[in-house]
Amino acid sequence: MLADLPLIAFVATRDAERSRAFYRDLLGLPLVADEPWALVFQVHGTMLRIQKAGEFTPHPFTALGWQVDDLRETVRGLIARGVSPLRYPHLPADDLGVWSAGDTMVAWFHDPDRNVLSLTQFAR
């Protein structure tokens, strides 16, 4: 029923200005609109709506993730822009915060509201 319809992704923010700077300027996502209720970005054909939620508690698990071809290079680029990788005590990671699950690798980081974002490089 919904398989052929466009997906819309959502996360929330307490501070739209900070989120705009992070998602647009740091991550490089094109800003489509700044609406009264959300910042709207375009991400490879998917609409991302960052809801202007006021106070909320972010989930402790991944809210948004990207598939990347070269995880370590992408992480290095984010670190150069001021992003700090997340480290989870129960998941052994390398010096860049990259966790390997066989041939698949994952890294996590926070947005300004502490939403958990991830990068995944799947086995080729």
Foldseek 3Di string as FASTA:
>chain_A
DCPPPAAEAEAEDQDVVQLCCCVCVLVNWAFDDDDPFFTWTADPNYIYTHGNDNDDDADPDAREEEEDADVVVVLVSNVVSPWQWDADPVFDDPPSQWGDDDQKIKIWTARPNRHIYMYIYHHD
